[in-house]
Amino acid sequence: MKDVDQLNLRDSREGVIVPVKVVPGASRDRIVGVLGDCLKITVASPPQRGKANAAVAALLAGALGVDRRAVQLLRGATGPRKEFRVAGLTAAQVAQLLRSP
């Protein structure tokens, strides 16, 4: 993925904070690319009862090779802009994983 260096990935004591722009109700789940300083993700799940948030967390976990329980929503539960924390990884590791095809 190109433009990964534009992402506002931040290290924390518990892992890395990943800013995400979510588009629910799409035709499929996928990481589209970088939008500004966020990772743009589309999910087929509707934005109801946390289904889209759960789908984003699962997609991030799969893309980064971590257990689903390592991905936690921190901010933006009801809006399109969110922040997820991925435990066990650094910002540099996430950037490298996103660059890999």
N, C-alpha and C. Protein backbone atom coordinates (compact mmCIF):
# COMPACT_ATOMS: atom_id res chain seq x y z
N MET A 1 0.85 -1.17 0.00
CA MET A 1 0.00 0.00 0.00
C MET A 1 0.90 1.24 0.00
N LYS A 2 0.55 2.20 -0.81
CA LYS A 2 1.36 3.41 -0.86
C LYS A 2 0.83 4.45 0.13
N ASP A 3 1.62 5.45 0.39
CA ASP A 3 1.29 6.57 1.30
C ASP A 3 1.16 6.15 2.76
N VAL A 4 1.69 5.01 3.14
CA VAL A 4 1.60 4.55 4.53
C VAL A 4 2.29 5.53 5.48
N ASP A 5 3.31 6.21 4.99
CA ASP A 5 4.03 7.17 5.84
C ASP A 5 3.17 8.36 6.23
N GLN A 6 2.06 8.60 5.55
CA GLN A 6 1.16 9.70 5.89
C GLN A 6 0.25 9.36 7.06
N LEU A 7 0.13 8.09 7.40
CA LEU A 7 -0.74 7.68 8.51
C LEU A 7 -0.23 8.26 9.82
N ASN A 8 -1.16 8.65 10.67
CA ASN A 8 -0.82 9.19 11.99
C ASN A 8 -0.79 8.04 13.01
N LEU A 9 0.09 7.08 12.80
CA LEU A 9 0.25 5.95 13.72
C LEU A 9 1.00 6.45 14.95
N ARG A 10 0.50 6.11 16.14
CA ARG A 10 1.13 6.57 17.38
C ARG A 10 1.36 5.40 18.32
N ASP A 11 2.57 5.33 18.83
CA ASP A 11 2.89 4.30 19.82
C ASP A 11 2.33 4.69 21.17
N SER A 12 1.85 3.70 21.92
CA SER A 12 1.41 3.90 23.30
C SER A 12 1.99 2.75 24.12
N ARG A 13 1.81 2.82 25.41
CA ARG A 13 2.35 1.74 26.26
C ARG A 13 1.70 0.40 25.96
N GLU A 14 0.44 0.42 25.53
CA GLU A 14 -0.29 -0.82 25.29
C GLU A 14 -0.23 -1.31 23.84
N GLY A 15 0.36 -0.52 22.95
CA GLY A 15 0.41 -0.91 21.54
C GLY A 15 0.48 0.31 20.64
N VAL A 16 -0.12 0.22 19.48
CA VAL A 16 -0.11 1.32 18.53
C VAL A 16 -1.54 1.79 18.27
N ILE A 17 -1.71 3.12 18.15
CA ILE A 17 -3.01 3.71 17.85
C ILE A 17 -3.10 3.91 16.34
N VAL A 18 -4.17 3.37 15.75
CA VAL A 18 -4.36 3.45 14.30
C VAL A 18 -5.63 4.26 14.02
N PRO A 19 -5.50 5.44 13.38
CA PRO A 19 -6.67 6.21 13.00
C PRO A 19 -7.32 5.61 11.75
N VAL A 20 -8.64 5.51 11.77
CA VAL A 20 -9.36 4.84 10.69
C VAL A 20 -10.57 5.67 10.26
N LYS A 21 -10.81 5.71 8.95
CA LYS A 21 -12.04 6.27 8.38
C LYS A 21 -12.82 5.08 7.86
N VAL A 22 -14.02 4.86 8.41
CA VAL A 22 -14.81 3.67 8.09
C VAL A 22 -15.98 4.04 7.17
N VAL A 23 -16.18 3.20 6.16
CA VAL A 23 -17.34 3.32 5.28
C VAL A 23 -18.14 2.02 5.42
N PRO A 24 -19.22 2.04 6.24
CA PRO A 24 -20.03 0.83 6.41
C PRO A 24 -21.00 0.64 5.24
N GLY A 25 -21.53 -0.56 5.14
CA GLY A 25 -22.52 -0.86 4.11
C GLY A 25 -21.92 -0.96 2.71
N ALA A 26 -20.64 -1.21 2.60
CA ALA A 26 -19.98 -1.34 1.30
C ALA A 26 -20.23 -2.74 0.73
N SER A 27 -19.76 -2.96 -0.48
CA SER A 27 -19.98 -4.27 -1.10
C SER A 27 -19.12 -5.37 -0.49
N ARG A 28 -17.97 -4.99 0.11
CA ARG A 28 -17.10 -5.99 0.73
C ARG A 28 -16.21 -5.34 1.77
N ASP A 29 -15.61 -6.19 2.60
CA ASP A 29 -14.67 -5.72 3.62
C ASP A 29 -13.29 -5.62 2.99
N ARG A 30 -12.66 -4.44 3.11
CA ARG A 30 -11.31 -4.30 2.60
C ARG A 30 -10.67 -3.02 3.11
N ILE A 31 -9.35 -3.03 3.13
CA ILE A 31 -8.58 -1.83 3.43
C ILE A 31 -8.35 -1.15 2.09
N VAL A 32 -8.93 0.03 1.93
CA VAL A 32 -8.88 0.73 0.65
C VAL A 32 -7.52 1.39 0.44
N GLY A 33 -7.02 2.04 1.49
CA GLY A 33 -5.74 2.74 1.38
C GLY A 33 -5.66 3.84 2.42
N VAL A 34 -4.87 4.84 2.12
CA VAL A 34 -4.66 5.96 3.03
C VAL A 34 -5.50 7.13 2.56
N LEU A 35 -6.22 7.74 3.50
CA LEU A 35 -7.03 8.94 3.23
C LEU A 35 -6.60 9.99 4.23
N GLY A 36 -5.82 10.96 3.76
CA GLY A 36 -5.27 11.96 4.68
C GLY A 36 -4.30 11.29 5.63
N ASP A 37 -4.61 11.36 6.94
CA ASP A 37 -3.75 10.70 7.93
C ASP A 37 -4.39 9.45 8.50
N CYS A 38 -5.49 8.98 7.86
CA CYS A 38 -6.24 7.81 8.34
C CYS A 38 -6.13 6.65 7.36
N LEU A 39 -6.40 5.48 7.88
CA LEU A 39 -6.51 4.28 7.06
C LEU A 39 -7.98 4.16 6.67
N LYS A 40 -8.28 4.15 5.37
CA LYS A 40 -9.67 4.04 4.92
C LYS A 40 -10.04 2.57 4.78
N ILE A 41 -11.13 2.19 5.46
CA ILE A 41 -11.59 0.80 5.46
C ILE A 41 -13.07 0.77 5.12
N THR A 42 -13.45 -0.13 4.22
CA THR A 42 -14.86 -0.34 3.92
C THR A 42 -15.27 -1.70 4.47
N VAL A 43 -16.49 -1.76 5.00
CA VAL A 43 -17.03 -3.02 5.51
C VAL A 43 -18.46 -3.19 5.02
N ALA A 44 -18.85 -4.43 4.82
CA ALA A 44 -20.20 -4.73 4.35
C ALA A 44 -21.22 -4.60 5.47
N SER A 45 -20.79 -4.72 6.69
CA SER A 45 -21.71 -4.67 7.85
C SER A 45 -22.34 -3.29 7.97
N PRO A 46 -23.60 -3.25 8.44
CA PRO A 46 -24.25 -1.96 8.64
C PRO A 46 -23.75 -1.30 9.93
N PRO A 47 -23.92 0.02 10.02
CA PRO A 47 -23.48 0.72 11.22
C PRO A 47 -24.53 0.62 12.34
N GLN A 48 -24.86 -0.58 12.72
CA GLN A 48 -25.88 -0.80 13.75
C GLN A 48 -25.34 -1.73 14.82
N ARG A 49 -25.55 -1.33 16.07
CA ARG A 49 -25.18 -2.16 17.23
C ARG A 49 -23.72 -2.63 17.20
N GLY A 50 -22.83 -1.80 16.68
CA GLY A 50 -21.41 -2.13 16.70
C GLY A 50 -20.95 -3.14 15.67
N LYS A 51 -21.83 -3.53 14.75
CA LYS A 51 -21.45 -4.54 13.76
C LYS A 51 -20.32 -4.06 12.85
N ALA A 52 -20.39 -2.82 12.40
CA ALA A 52 -19.33 -2.29 11.54
C ALA A 52 -18.02 -2.18 12.31
N ASN A 53 -18.08 -1.74 13.56
CA ASN A 53 -16.87 -1.63 14.37
C ASN A 53 -16.21 -3.00 14.57
N ALA A 54 -17.02 -4.01 14.81
CA ALA A 54 -16.49 -5.37 14.98
C ALA A 54 -15.86 -5.87 13.68
N ALA A 55 -16.47 -5.54 12.56
CA ALA A 55 -15.93 -5.96 11.27
C ALA A 55 -14.59 -5.27 10.99
N VAL A 56 -14.48 -3.99 11.34
CA VAL A 56 -13.23 -3.27 11.16
C VAL A 56 -12.14 -3.88 12.03
N ALA A 57 -12.47 -4.15 13.29
CA ALA A 57 -11.49 -4.74 14.20
C ALA A 57 -11.00 -6.10 13.68
N ALA A 58 -11.91 -6.91 13.18
CA ALA A 58 -11.54 -8.22 12.64
C ALA A 58 -10.67 -8.07 11.40
N LEU A 59 -11.00 -7.12 10.54
CA LEU A 59 -10.22 -6.89 9.33
C LEU A 59 -8.81 -6.40 9.68
N LEU A 60 -8.71 -5.48 10.63
CA LEU A 60 -7.40 -5.00 11.07
C LEU A 60 -6.57 -6.13 11.67
N ALA A 61 -7.20 -6.94 12.50
CA ALA A 61 -6.49 -8.06 13.13
C ALA A 61 -5.94 -9.00 12.07
N GLY A 62 -6.75 -9.33 11.09
CA GLY A 62 -6.30 -10.23 10.03
C GLY A 62 -5.18 -9.63 9.20
N ALA A 63 -5.29 -8.35 8.86
CA ALA A 63 -4.28 -7.70 8.04
C ALA A 63 -2.95 -7.55 8.76
N LEU A 64 -3.02 -7.40 10.09
CA LEU A 64 -1.80 -7.19 10.87
C LEU A 64 -1.28 -8.46 11.52
N GLY A 65 -2.00 -9.57 11.35
CA GLY A 65 -1.54 -10.84 11.88
C GLY A 65 -1.59 -10.96 13.39
N VAL A 66 -2.58 -10.32 14.00
CA VAL A 66 -2.74 -10.41 15.45
C VAL A 66 -4.10 -11.03 15.77
N ASP A 67 -4.26 -11.48 16.99
CA ASP A 67 -5.52 -12.02 17.45
C ASP A 67 -6.57 -10.91 17.48
N ARG A 68 -7.81 -11.24 17.20
CA ARG A 68 -8.89 -10.25 17.21
C ARG A 68 -8.97 -9.52 18.55
N ARG A 69 -8.65 -10.20 19.64
CA ARG A 69 -8.72 -9.58 20.97
C ARG A 69 -7.65 -8.53 21.18
N ALA A 70 -6.65 -8.48 20.30
CA ALA A 70 -5.58 -7.48 20.42
C ALA A 70 -5.99 -6.13 19.83
N VAL A 71 -7.13 -6.08 19.14
CA VAL A 71 -7.60 -4.85 18.50
C VAL A 71 -8.79 -4.32 19.28
N GLN A 72 -8.66 -3.07 19.75
CA GLN A 72 -9.70 -2.47 20.60
C GLN A 72 -10.07 -1.09 20.07
N LEU A 73 -11.37 -0.81 19.99
CA LEU A 73 -11.85 0.51 19.60
C LEU A 73 -11.66 1.47 20.78
N LEU A 74 -10.97 2.58 20.53
CA LEU A 74 -10.74 3.56 21.59
C LEU A 74 -11.68 4.76 21.48
N ARG A 75 -11.84 5.29 20.26
CA ARG A 75 -12.64 6.49 20.06
C ARG A 75 -13.46 6.37 18.78
N GLY A 76 -14.62 7.04 18.78
CA GLY A 76 -15.41 7.13 17.56
C GLY A 76 -16.39 6.02 17.34
N ALA A 77 -16.97 5.49 18.39
CA ALA A 77 -17.88 4.34 18.28
C ALA A 77 -19.05 4.60 17.32
N THR A 78 -19.53 5.84 17.25
CA THR A 78 -20.70 6.11 16.42
C THR A 78 -20.41 6.96 15.19
N GLY A 79 -19.18 7.40 15.02
CA GLY A 79 -18.84 8.24 13.87
C GLY A 79 -17.98 7.50 12.87
N PRO A 80 -17.75 8.10 11.71
CA PRO A 80 -16.94 7.45 10.69
C PRO A 80 -15.44 7.47 10.99
N ARG A 81 -14.99 8.43 11.77
CA ARG A 81 -13.57 8.50 12.14
C ARG A 81 -13.38 7.85 13.50
N LYS A 82 -12.46 6.89 13.54
CA LYS A 82 -12.27 6.09 14.75
C LYS A 82 -10.79 5.94 15.05
N GLU A 83 -10.50 5.51 16.25
CA GLU A 83 -9.13 5.14 16.62
C GLU A 83 -9.18 3.75 17.24
N PHE A 84 -8.34 2.87 16.72
CA PHE A 84 -8.21 1.52 17.25
C PHE A 84 -6.82 1.37 17.84
N ARG A 85 -6.72 0.62 18.93
CA ARG A 85 -5.42 0.27 19.50
C ARG A 85 -5.14 -1.18 19.15
N VAL A 86 -3.93 -1.43 18.65
CA VAL A 86 -3.50 -2.78 18.33
C VAL A 86 -2.39 -3.13 19.31
N ALA A 87 -2.68 -4.05 20.20
CA ALA A 87 -1.71 -4.45 21.23
C ALA A 87 -0.64 -5.34 20.63
N GLY A 88 0.58 -5.21 21.14
CA GLY A 88 1.66 -6.09 20.76
C GLY A 88 2.45 -5.65 19.54
N LEU A 89 2.10 -4.52 18.94
CA LEU A 89 2.83 -4.02 17.78
C LEU A 89 3.25 -2.57 18.01
N THR A 90 4.26 -2.13 17.28
CA THR A 90 4.69 -0.74 17.29
C THR A 90 4.20 -0.06 16.01
N ALA A 91 4.30 1.24 15.98
CA ALA A 91 3.90 1.99 14.78
C ALA A 91 4.75 1.58 13.58
N ALA A 92 6.03 1.37 13.80
CA ALA A 92 6.91 0.95 12.70
C ALA A 92 6.52 -0.42 12.16
N GLN A 93 6.14 -1.33 13.04
CA GLN A 93 5.72 -2.66 12.61
C GLN A 93 4.42 -2.60 11.81
N VAL A 94 3.47 -1.81 12.27
CA VAL A 94 2.20 -1.66 11.55
C VAL A 94 2.44 -1.07 10.17
N ALA A 95 3.26 -0.03 10.10
CA ALA A 95 3.56 0.59 8.81
C ALA A 95 4.19 -0.43 7.86
N GLN A 96 5.11 -1.23 8.36
CA GLN A 96 5.76 -2.25 7.51
C GLN A 96 4.75 -3.30 7.04
N LEU A 97 3.88 -3.73 7.92
CA LEU A 97 2.87 -4.73 7.55
C LEU A 97 1.89 -4.18 6.51
N LEU A 98 1.54 -2.91 6.61
CA LEU A 98 0.62 -2.31 5.65
C LEU A 98 1.29 -2.07 4.30
N ARG A 99 2.60 -1.88 4.30
CA ARG A 99 3.33 -1.71 3.04
C ARG A 99 3.43 -3.02 2.26
N SER A 100 3.49 -4.13 2.97
CA SER A 100 3.64 -5.44 2.33
C SER A 100 2.39 -5.80 1.55
N PRO A 101 2.57 -6.36 0.36
CA PRO A 101 1.38 -6.75 -0.43
C PRO A 101 0.68 -7.97 0.12
